[in-house]
Amino acid sequence: MTPAANVPVASFQSTKSEGVAIPTRRNPLAGAWRVVVEDFVIETEVGMHAHEHGSAQKIGIDASLSYSGVPSENARGLIDYDVWCTGVTAYLGTKSHTRLLEMLAVEIAVMSFDRWPALDSVLLLLYKPDICANARRVGVELRWTRIDYAYWKARNLPMLSQPIA
């Protein structure tokens, strides 16, 4: 067990109306570390326009994964950027067509929080680099904390999630 395992990620309380544990405050070490992935480009089927159906197109992902923890050489509890990239690649490679980048962002965020309990927040920018001639890229950004994730999960909002291996 690493020293980080004894540090709570957040305080929890149960809401009386729904009986769901929701984090209410941050750990003092929360966000002390950040894994950054920039310009991660992959192909997937995404888009709501007819010409975007039936073939994959490039999307780019910028990710910032903030987490608590005490580094150690065994790397337990830390976020492994290679595992994250491999998991996102595998998920998008098996996923059927998605209409909205927003939905992909939510799915990637949920997979990340599911995989790493030490994860405090994610900032994801998903973009299409080749979609607009007058822009370098066009996309959406999702900023979620563990509280947002807990809210999503508590409400059983729809998504097709597979855990990151």
N, C-alpha and C. Protein backbone atom coordinates (compact mmCIF):
# COMPACT_ATOMS: atom_id res chain seq x y z
N MET A 1 0.85 -1.17 0.00
CA MET A 1 0.00 0.00 0.00
C MET A 1 0.90 1.24 0.00
N THR A 2 0.65 2.17 -0.90
CA THR A 2 1.44 3.38 -0.98
C THR A 2 0.91 4.40 0.02
N PRO A 3 1.72 5.40 0.38
CA PRO A 3 1.23 6.44 1.28
C PRO A 3 -0.02 7.13 0.75
N ALA A 4 -0.14 7.26 -0.57
CA ALA A 4 -1.30 7.94 -1.16
C ALA A 4 -2.60 7.18 -0.87
N ALA A 5 -2.50 5.88 -0.63
CA ALA A 5 -3.72 5.11 -0.41
C ALA A 5 -4.42 5.52 0.89
N ASN A 6 -3.67 6.11 1.83
CA ASN A 6 -4.25 6.54 3.09
C ASN A 6 -4.84 7.95 3.02
N VAL A 7 -4.68 8.62 1.90
CA VAL A 7 -5.16 9.99 1.76
C VAL A 7 -6.51 9.96 1.05
N PRO A 8 -7.58 10.45 1.71
CA PRO A 8 -8.88 10.42 1.03
C PRO A 8 -8.89 11.37 -0.15
N VAL A 9 -9.56 10.97 -1.23
CA VAL A 9 -9.67 11.82 -2.41
C VAL A 9 -10.60 12.97 -2.13
N ALA A 10 -11.67 12.76 -1.40
CA ALA A 10 -12.62 13.81 -1.06
C ALA A 10 -13.44 13.37 0.13
N SER A 11 -14.10 14.32 0.77
CA SER A 11 -15.06 13.98 1.81
C SER A 11 -16.37 13.64 1.14
N PHE A 12 -17.12 12.73 1.71
CA PHE A 12 -18.38 12.33 1.11
C PHE A 12 -19.50 12.54 2.11
N GLN A 13 -20.65 12.86 1.61
CA GLN A 13 -21.86 12.88 2.42
C GLN A 13 -22.99 12.34 1.57
N SER A 14 -23.95 11.73 2.19
CA SER A 14 -25.10 11.22 1.45
C SER A 14 -26.18 12.28 1.40
N THR A 15 -26.67 12.52 0.21
CA THR A 15 -27.79 13.44 0.09
C THR A 15 -29.03 12.73 0.61
N LYS A 16 -29.84 13.43 1.39
CA LYS A 16 -31.01 12.81 2.00
C LYS A 16 -32.07 12.46 0.96
N SER A 17 -32.18 13.27 -0.06
CA SER A 17 -33.25 13.04 -1.02
C SER A 17 -32.99 11.84 -1.91
N GLU A 18 -31.73 11.54 -2.18
CA GLU A 18 -31.45 10.46 -3.12
C GLU A 18 -30.53 9.38 -2.56
N GLY A 19 -29.95 9.59 -1.40
CA GLY A 19 -29.09 8.59 -0.79
C GLY A 19 -27.84 8.30 -1.59
N VAL A 20 -27.31 9.29 -2.32
CA VAL A 20 -26.15 9.10 -3.17
C VAL A 20 -24.95 9.81 -2.55
N ALA A 21 -23.82 9.13 -2.47
CA ALA A 21 -22.60 9.74 -1.94
C ALA A 21 -22.00 10.67 -2.97
N ILE A 22 -21.87 11.94 -2.63
CA ILE A 22 -21.32 12.94 -3.53
C ILE A 22 -20.16 13.62 -2.80
N PRO A 23 -18.99 13.75 -3.43
CA PRO A 23 -17.89 14.45 -2.78
C PRO A 23 -18.29 15.91 -2.50
N THR A 24 -17.92 16.40 -1.32
CA THR A 24 -18.30 17.77 -0.96
C THR A 24 -17.13 18.72 -0.81
N ARG A 25 -15.93 18.21 -0.66
CA ARG A 25 -14.78 19.10 -0.60
C ARG A 25 -13.55 18.41 -1.16
N ARG A 26 -12.59 19.21 -1.57
CA ARG A 26 -11.37 18.67 -2.17
C ARG A 26 -10.37 18.24 -1.12
N ASN A 27 -9.60 17.26 -1.47
CA ASN A 27 -8.45 16.84 -0.69
C ASN A 27 -7.38 17.94 -0.80
N PRO A 28 -6.65 18.24 0.26
CA PRO A 28 -5.61 19.26 0.16
C PRO A 28 -4.54 18.95 -0.89
N LEU A 29 -4.35 17.67 -1.22
CA LEU A 29 -3.39 17.29 -2.25
C LEU A 29 -4.01 17.24 -3.63
N ALA A 30 -5.32 17.47 -3.73
CA ALA A 30 -6.03 17.33 -5.00
C ALA A 30 -5.42 18.25 -6.05
N GLY A 31 -5.26 17.70 -7.22
CA GLY A 31 -4.74 18.50 -8.33
C GLY A 31 -3.26 18.80 -8.23
N ALA A 32 -2.56 18.13 -7.32
CA ALA A 32 -1.14 18.40 -7.16
C ALA A 32 -0.34 17.93 -8.38
N TRP A 33 -0.88 16.96 -9.12
CA TRP A 33 -0.22 16.42 -10.30
C TRP A 33 -1.16 16.50 -11.49
N ARG A 34 -0.56 16.56 -12.68
CA ARG A 34 -1.37 16.65 -13.88
C ARG A 34 -0.68 15.90 -15.00
N VAL A 35 -1.41 14.96 -15.60
CA VAL A 35 -0.93 14.29 -16.81
C VAL A 35 -1.50 15.06 -17.98
N VAL A 36 -0.65 15.40 -18.94
CA VAL A 36 -1.07 16.19 -20.09
C VAL A 36 -0.82 15.38 -21.36
N VAL A 37 -1.84 15.30 -22.18
CA VAL A 37 -1.74 14.67 -23.50
C VAL A 37 -2.19 15.72 -24.50
N GLU A 38 -1.34 16.06 -25.46
CA GLU A 38 -1.68 17.10 -26.43
C GLU A 38 -1.62 16.55 -27.85
N ASP A 39 -2.55 17.02 -28.66
CA ASP A 39 -2.62 16.67 -30.08
C ASP A 39 -2.59 15.16 -30.31
N PHE A 40 -3.33 14.45 -29.49
CA PHE A 40 -3.51 13.00 -29.65
C PHE A 40 -4.53 12.83 -30.77
N VAL A 41 -4.08 12.40 -31.94
CA VAL A 41 -4.94 12.33 -33.13
C VAL A 41 -5.28 10.87 -33.41
N ILE A 42 -6.56 10.63 -33.64
CA ILE A 42 -7.06 9.28 -33.87
C ILE A 42 -8.25 9.38 -34.82
N GLU A 43 -8.56 8.30 -35.50
CA GLU A 43 -9.72 8.30 -36.38
C GLU A 43 -10.88 7.56 -35.72
N THR A 44 -12.06 8.12 -35.90
CA THR A 44 -13.29 7.51 -35.40
C THR A 44 -14.46 8.04 -36.20
N GLU A 45 -15.58 7.37 -36.11
CA GLU A 45 -16.78 7.83 -36.80
C GLU A 45 -17.55 8.77 -35.89
N VAL A 46 -17.59 10.05 -36.27
CA VAL A 46 -18.28 11.05 -35.46
C VAL A 46 -18.81 12.15 -36.36
N GLY A 47 -19.96 12.66 -36.02
CA GLY A 47 -20.53 13.79 -36.74
C GLY A 47 -22.00 13.61 -36.98
N MET A 48 -22.72 14.73 -37.04
CA MET A 48 -24.17 14.65 -37.23
C MET A 48 -24.59 14.88 -38.67
N HIS A 49 -23.68 15.32 -39.52
CA HIS A 49 -24.02 15.57 -40.92
C HIS A 49 -23.95 14.28 -41.74
N ALA A 50 -24.78 14.18 -42.74
CA ALA A 50 -24.86 12.96 -43.57
C ALA A 50 -23.51 12.56 -44.15
N HIS A 51 -22.70 13.54 -44.59
CA HIS A 51 -21.41 13.20 -45.19
C HIS A 51 -20.40 12.67 -44.16
N GLU A 52 -20.71 12.77 -42.87
CA GLU A 52 -19.82 12.28 -41.82
C GLU A 52 -20.15 10.84 -41.40
N HIS A 53 -21.19 10.27 -41.95
CA HIS A 53 -21.59 8.91 -41.60
C HIS A 53 -20.93 7.90 -42.55
N GLY A 54 -20.55 6.77 -42.00
CA GLY A 54 -20.04 5.68 -42.82
C GLY A 54 -18.54 5.66 -43.02
N SER A 55 -17.83 6.68 -42.57
CA SER A 55 -16.37 6.63 -42.68
C SER A 55 -15.75 7.39 -41.50
N ALA A 56 -14.59 6.93 -41.12
CA ALA A 56 -13.90 7.55 -39.99
C ALA A 56 -13.27 8.86 -40.42
N GLN A 57 -13.14 9.76 -39.47
CA GLN A 57 -12.44 11.03 -39.70
C GLN A 57 -11.51 11.30 -38.52
N LYS A 58 -10.52 12.12 -38.76
CA LYS A 58 -9.56 12.45 -37.71
C LYS A 58 -10.21 13.35 -36.67
N ILE A 59 -9.95 13.01 -35.40
CA ILE A 59 -10.24 13.93 -34.32
C ILE A 59 -8.97 14.07 -33.50
N GLY A 60 -8.83 15.20 -32.88
CA GLY A 60 -7.72 15.42 -31.98
C GLY A 60 -8.23 15.52 -30.56
N ILE A 61 -7.40 15.12 -29.62
CA ILE A 61 -7.76 15.19 -28.20
C ILE A 61 -6.61 15.83 -27.45
N ASP A 62 -6.93 16.86 -26.69
CA ASP A 62 -6.02 17.41 -25.70
C ASP A 62 -6.63 17.06 -24.35
N ALA A 63 -5.85 16.50 -23.46
CA ALA A 63 -6.36 16.09 -22.16
C ALA A 63 -5.46 16.56 -21.06
N SER A 64 -6.07 17.01 -19.98
CA SER A 64 -5.37 17.35 -18.75
C SER A 64 -6.06 16.58 -17.64
N LEU A 65 -5.33 15.66 -17.02
CA LEU A 65 -5.87 14.77 -15.98
C LEU A 65 -5.20 15.12 -14.66
N SER A 66 -5.91 15.80 -13.78
CA SER A 66 -5.35 16.23 -12.49
C SER A 66 -5.68 15.21 -11.42
N TYR A 67 -4.68 14.89 -10.60
CA TYR A 67 -4.90 13.86 -9.59
C TYR A 67 -4.08 14.12 -8.34
N SER A 68 -4.49 13.46 -7.28
CA SER A 68 -3.80 13.51 -6.00
C SER A 68 -2.90 12.30 -5.90
N GLY A 69 -1.89 12.41 -5.13
CA GLY A 69 -1.06 11.24 -4.90
C GLY A 69 0.34 11.61 -4.52
N VAL A 70 1.00 10.66 -3.95
CA VAL A 70 2.39 10.80 -3.57
C VAL A 70 3.19 9.92 -4.51
N PRO A 71 4.07 10.50 -5.32
CA PRO A 71 4.81 9.69 -6.28
C PRO A 71 5.70 8.66 -5.60
N SER A 72 5.77 7.51 -6.22
CA SER A 72 6.70 6.48 -5.79
C SER A 72 7.14 5.71 -7.02
N GLU A 73 8.23 5.03 -6.92
CA GLU A 73 8.77 4.32 -8.07
C GLU A 73 7.89 3.17 -8.54
N ASN A 74 7.00 2.66 -7.69
CA ASN A 74 6.13 1.57 -8.14
C ASN A 74 4.93 2.09 -8.93
N ALA A 75 4.70 3.38 -8.94
CA ALA A 75 3.68 4.06 -9.75
C ALA A 75 2.25 3.64 -9.45
N ARG A 76 2.01 2.95 -8.34
CA ARG A 76 0.64 2.58 -7.99
C ARG A 76 -0.15 3.84 -7.65
N GLY A 77 -1.36 3.91 -8.17
CA GLY A 77 -2.23 5.05 -7.87
C GLY A 77 -2.01 6.25 -8.77
N LEU A 78 -0.94 6.22 -9.55
CA LEU A 78 -0.69 7.33 -10.46
C LEU A 78 -1.36 7.06 -11.80
N ILE A 79 -1.61 8.10 -12.55
CA ILE A 79 -2.26 7.95 -13.85
C ILE A 79 -1.20 7.67 -14.90
N ASP A 80 -1.36 6.57 -15.59
CA ASP A 80 -0.41 6.14 -16.61
C ASP A 80 -0.89 6.67 -17.97
N TYR A 81 -0.16 7.62 -18.53
CA TYR A 81 -0.59 8.24 -19.79
C TYR A 81 -0.62 7.23 -20.94
N ASP A 82 0.25 6.23 -20.91
CA ASP A 82 0.25 5.22 -21.96
C ASP A 82 -1.02 4.37 -21.88
N VAL A 83 -1.41 3.98 -20.66
CA VAL A 83 -2.64 3.21 -20.48
C VAL A 83 -3.84 4.06 -20.90
N TRP A 84 -3.82 5.35 -20.57
CA TRP A 84 -4.93 6.24 -20.96
C TRP A 84 -5.04 6.32 -22.48
N CYS A 85 -3.93 6.57 -23.16
CA CYS A 85 -3.95 6.68 -24.63
C CYS A 85 -4.36 5.37 -25.28
N THR A 86 -3.84 4.26 -24.79
CA THR A 86 -4.18 2.95 -25.33
C THR A 86 -5.66 2.63 -25.11
N GLY A 87 -6.18 2.98 -23.93
CA GLY A 87 -7.60 2.74 -23.63
C GLY A 87 -8.53 3.56 -24.50
N VAL A 88 -8.19 4.83 -24.71
CA VAL A 88 -9.01 5.69 -25.58
C VAL A 88 -8.96 5.16 -27.01
N THR A 89 -7.79 4.77 -27.48
CA THR A 89 -7.64 4.23 -28.83
C THR A 89 -8.50 2.97 -29.00
N ALA A 90 -8.41 2.06 -28.04
CA ALA A 90 -9.18 0.81 -28.12
C ALA A 90 -10.68 1.10 -28.11
N TYR A 91 -11.11 2.00 -27.25
CA TYR A 91 -12.54 2.32 -27.16
C TYR A 91 -13.05 2.93 -28.47
N LEU A 92 -12.34 3.91 -28.98
CA LEU A 92 -12.80 4.56 -30.21
C LEU A 92 -12.71 3.62 -31.41
N GLY A 93 -11.80 2.66 -31.36
CA GLY A 93 -11.66 1.70 -32.45
C GLY A 93 -12.80 0.71 -32.55
N THR A 94 -13.51 0.49 -31.45
CA THR A 94 -14.61 -0.48 -31.46
C THR A 94 -15.98 0.20 -31.40
N LYS A 95 -15.99 1.50 -31.28
CA LYS A 95 -17.23 2.25 -31.09
C LYS A 95 -17.94 2.49 -32.41
N SER A 96 -19.26 2.37 -32.39
CA SER A 96 -20.03 2.70 -33.58
C SER A 96 -20.12 4.22 -33.71
N HIS A 97 -20.75 4.69 -34.74
CA HIS A 97 -20.85 6.12 -35.03
C HIS A 97 -21.46 6.90 -33.86
N THR A 98 -20.84 8.02 -33.55
CA THR A 98 -21.35 8.95 -32.53
C THR A 98 -21.67 10.26 -33.21
N ARG A 99 -22.81 10.82 -32.92
CA ARG A 99 -23.22 12.06 -33.56
C ARG A 99 -22.47 13.28 -33.03
N LEU A 100 -22.16 13.31 -31.75
CA LEU A 100 -21.63 14.53 -31.14
C LEU A 100 -20.26 14.32 -30.48
N LEU A 101 -19.37 15.27 -30.70
CA LEU A 101 -18.10 15.26 -29.97
C LEU A 101 -18.35 15.38 -28.47
N GLU A 102 -19.41 16.08 -28.09
CA GLU A 102 -19.73 16.23 -26.67
C GLU A 102 -19.94 14.88 -26.00
N MET A 103 -20.62 13.97 -26.69
CA MET A 103 -20.86 12.64 -26.12
C MET A 103 -19.55 11.86 -25.99
N LEU A 104 -18.68 11.98 -26.99
CA LEU A 104 -17.37 11.32 -26.88
C LEU A 104 -16.58 11.86 -25.70
N ALA A 105 -16.65 13.17 -25.48
CA ALA A 105 -15.92 13.77 -24.36
C ALA A 105 -16.43 13.22 -23.03
N VAL A 106 -17.75 13.11 -22.89
CA VAL A 106 -18.33 12.57 -21.66
C VAL A 106 -17.89 11.12 -21.47
N GLU A 107 -17.94 10.33 -22.51
CA GLU A 107 -17.56 8.92 -22.40
C GLU A 107 -16.10 8.76 -22.00
N ILE A 108 -15.23 9.57 -22.58
CA ILE A 108 -13.80 9.51 -22.22
C ILE A 108 -13.59 9.95 -20.78
N ALA A 109 -14.31 10.98 -20.35
CA ALA A 109 -14.21 11.44 -18.96
C ALA A 109 -14.67 10.35 -17.99
N VAL A 110 -15.81 9.73 -18.27
CA VAL A 110 -16.33 8.68 -17.39
C VAL A 110 -15.36 7.50 -17.34
N MET A 111 -14.83 7.09 -18.48
CA MET A 111 -13.85 6.00 -18.48
C MET A 111 -12.64 6.35 -17.62
N SER A 112 -12.21 7.60 -17.69
CA SER A 112 -11.03 8.03 -16.93
C SER A 112 -11.30 7.99 -15.43
N PHE A 113 -12.45 8.53 -15.00
CA PHE A 113 -12.79 8.51 -13.58
C PHE A 113 -13.03 7.08 -13.09
N ASP A 114 -13.64 6.24 -13.92
CA ASP A 114 -13.85 4.83 -13.55
C ASP A 114 -12.52 4.13 -13.30
N ARG A 115 -11.53 4.41 -14.12
CA ARG A 115 -10.24 3.70 -14.07
C ARG A 115 -9.34 4.17 -12.93
N TRP A 116 -9.35 5.50 -12.63
CA TRP A 116 -8.40 6.04 -11.67
C TRP A 116 -9.10 6.75 -10.52
N PRO A 117 -9.23 6.09 -9.35
CA PRO A 117 -9.87 6.71 -8.19
C PRO A 117 -9.18 7.99 -7.72
N ALA A 118 -7.91 8.15 -7.98
CA ALA A 118 -7.19 9.35 -7.55
C ALA A 118 -7.45 10.56 -8.45
N LEU A 119 -8.11 10.34 -9.57
CA LEU A 119 -8.37 11.43 -10.52
C LEU A 119 -9.33 12.44 -9.89
N ASP A 120 -8.92 13.70 -9.84
CA ASP A 120 -9.74 14.77 -9.26
C ASP A 120 -10.52 15.53 -10.32
N SER A 121 -9.89 15.76 -11.47
CA SER A 121 -10.57 16.51 -12.52
C SER A 121 -9.96 16.19 -13.88
N VAL A 122 -10.78 16.42 -14.92
CA VAL A 122 -10.30 16.27 -16.29
C VAL A 122 -10.70 17.51 -17.06
N LEU A 123 -9.85 17.87 -17.99
CA LEU A 123 -10.16 18.90 -18.96
C LEU A 123 -9.87 18.25 -20.31
N LEU A 124 -10.92 18.10 -21.12
CA LEU A 124 -10.79 17.46 -22.42
C LEU A 124 -11.19 18.43 -23.51
N LEU A 125 -10.36 18.54 -24.51
CA LEU A 125 -10.68 19.29 -25.72
C LEU A 125 -10.68 18.27 -26.85
N LEU A 126 -11.84 18.06 -27.46
CA LEU A 126 -11.96 17.19 -28.63
C LEU A 126 -12.24 18.08 -29.82
N TYR A 127 -11.49 17.87 -30.89
CA TYR A 127 -11.63 18.76 -32.04
C TYR A 127 -11.45 17.99 -33.34
N LYS A 128 -11.98 18.61 -34.39
CA LYS A 128 -11.82 18.10 -35.75
C LYS A 128 -10.84 19.03 -36.46
N PRO A 129 -9.64 18.55 -36.75
CA PRO A 129 -8.63 19.42 -37.34
C PRO A 129 -8.88 19.79 -38.80
N ASP A 130 -9.67 19.00 -39.49
CA ASP A 130 -9.82 19.20 -40.94
C ASP A 130 -11.24 19.61 -41.34
N ILE A 131 -12.03 20.12 -40.42
CA ILE A 131 -13.45 20.32 -40.71
C ILE A 131 -13.77 21.72 -41.24
N CYS A 132 -12.97 22.71 -40.91
CA CYS A 132 -13.27 24.09 -41.30
C CYS A 132 -12.03 24.71 -41.95
N ALA A 133 -12.17 25.13 -43.19
CA ALA A 133 -11.03 25.65 -43.95
C ALA A 133 -10.41 26.89 -43.31
N ASN A 134 -11.19 27.68 -42.63
CA ASN A 134 -10.68 28.94 -42.06
C ASN A 134 -10.28 28.84 -40.60
N ALA A 135 -10.26 27.63 -40.06
CA ALA A 135 -9.87 27.44 -38.65
C ALA A 135 -8.88 26.28 -38.57
N ARG A 136 -7.92 26.42 -37.66
CA ARG A 136 -6.96 25.35 -37.44
C ARG A 136 -7.66 24.11 -36.90
N ARG A 137 -8.65 24.34 -36.02
CA ARG A 137 -9.43 23.24 -35.48
C ARG A 137 -10.72 23.79 -34.90
N VAL A 138 -11.73 22.94 -34.86
CA VAL A 138 -13.03 23.28 -34.30
C VAL A 138 -13.41 22.14 -33.37
N GLY A 139 -13.87 22.47 -32.16
CA GLY A 139 -14.18 21.39 -31.24
C GLY A 139 -14.96 21.83 -30.03
N VAL A 140 -14.97 20.95 -29.04
CA VAL A 140 -15.68 21.17 -27.78
C VAL A 140 -14.73 20.88 -26.62
N GLU A 141 -15.01 21.53 -25.50
CA GLU A 141 -14.20 21.34 -24.31
C GLU A 141 -15.10 20.92 -23.15
N LEU A 142 -14.66 19.93 -22.40
CA LEU A 142 -15.37 19.47 -21.21
C LEU A 142 -14.44 19.59 -20.02
N ARG A 143 -14.91 20.26 -18.98
CA ARG A 143 -14.17 20.38 -17.73
C ARG A 143 -15.03 19.72 -16.66
N TRP A 144 -14.54 18.61 -16.10
CA TRP A 144 -15.29 17.87 -15.09
C TRP A 144 -14.43 17.63 -13.86
N THR A 145 -15.06 17.71 -12.70
CA THR A 145 -14.43 17.29 -11.44
C THR A 145 -15.03 15.94 -11.06
N ARG A 146 -14.48 15.36 -10.03
CA ARG A 146 -15.05 14.10 -9.54
C ARG A 146 -16.49 14.31 -9.08
N ILE A 147 -16.85 15.49 -8.63
CA ILE A 147 -18.24 15.78 -8.24
C ILE A 147 -19.15 15.70 -9.47
N ASP A 148 -18.72 16.26 -10.60
CA ASP A 148 -19.52 16.17 -11.83
C ASP A 148 -19.70 14.71 -12.24
N TYR A 149 -18.61 13.95 -12.17
CA TYR A 149 -18.66 12.52 -12.49
C TYR A 149 -19.64 11.79 -11.57
N ALA A 150 -19.56 12.05 -10.26
CA ALA A 150 -20.45 11.39 -9.30
C ALA A 150 -21.91 11.75 -9.59
N TYR A 151 -22.15 12.99 -9.94
CA TYR A 151 -23.50 13.43 -10.28
C TYR A 151 -24.01 12.66 -11.50
N TRP A 152 -23.17 12.54 -12.52
CA TRP A 152 -23.52 11.80 -13.75
C TRP A 152 -23.86 10.35 -13.42
N LYS A 153 -22.98 9.71 -12.67
CA LYS A 153 -23.17 8.29 -12.34
C LYS A 153 -24.39 8.09 -11.44
N ALA A 154 -24.63 9.00 -10.48
CA ALA A 154 -25.75 8.86 -9.56
C ALA A 154 -27.08 8.95 -10.29
N ARG A 155 -27.11 9.65 -11.36
CA ARG A 155 -28.35 9.81 -12.11
C ARG A 155 -28.50 8.76 -13.20
N ASN A 156 -27.50 7.88 -13.31
CA ASN A 156 -27.53 6.82 -14.32
C ASN A 156 -27.81 7.39 -15.70
N LEU A 157 -27.16 8.48 -16.01
CA LEU A 157 -27.36 9.10 -17.31
C LEU A 157 -26.78 8.18 -18.37
N PRO A 158 -27.38 8.18 -19.56
CA PRO A 158 -27.00 7.19 -20.58
C PRO A 158 -25.60 7.38 -21.14
N MET A 159 -24.92 6.29 -21.31
CA MET A 159 -23.66 6.26 -22.04
C MET A 159 -23.22 4.83 -22.22
N LEU A 160 -22.39 4.60 -23.19
CA LEU A 160 -21.86 3.28 -23.46
C LEU A 160 -20.43 3.25 -23.00
N SER A 161 -20.19 2.97 -21.74
CA SER A 161 -18.85 3.04 -21.18
C SER A 161 -18.20 1.68 -21.13
N GLN A 162 -16.92 1.66 -21.47
CA GLN A 162 -16.08 0.49 -21.27
C GLN A 162 -14.91 0.97 -20.43
N PRO A 163 -14.52 0.23 -19.42
CA PRO A 163 -13.39 0.70 -18.60
C PRO A 163 -12.08 0.73 -19.40
N ILE A 164 -11.22 1.65 -19.06
CA ILE A 164 -9.88 1.69 -19.64
C ILE A 164 -9.09 0.57 -18.97
N ALA A 165 -8.47 -0.25 -19.76
CA ALA A 165 -7.74 -1.42 -19.23
C ALA A 165 -6.57 -1.02 -18.37
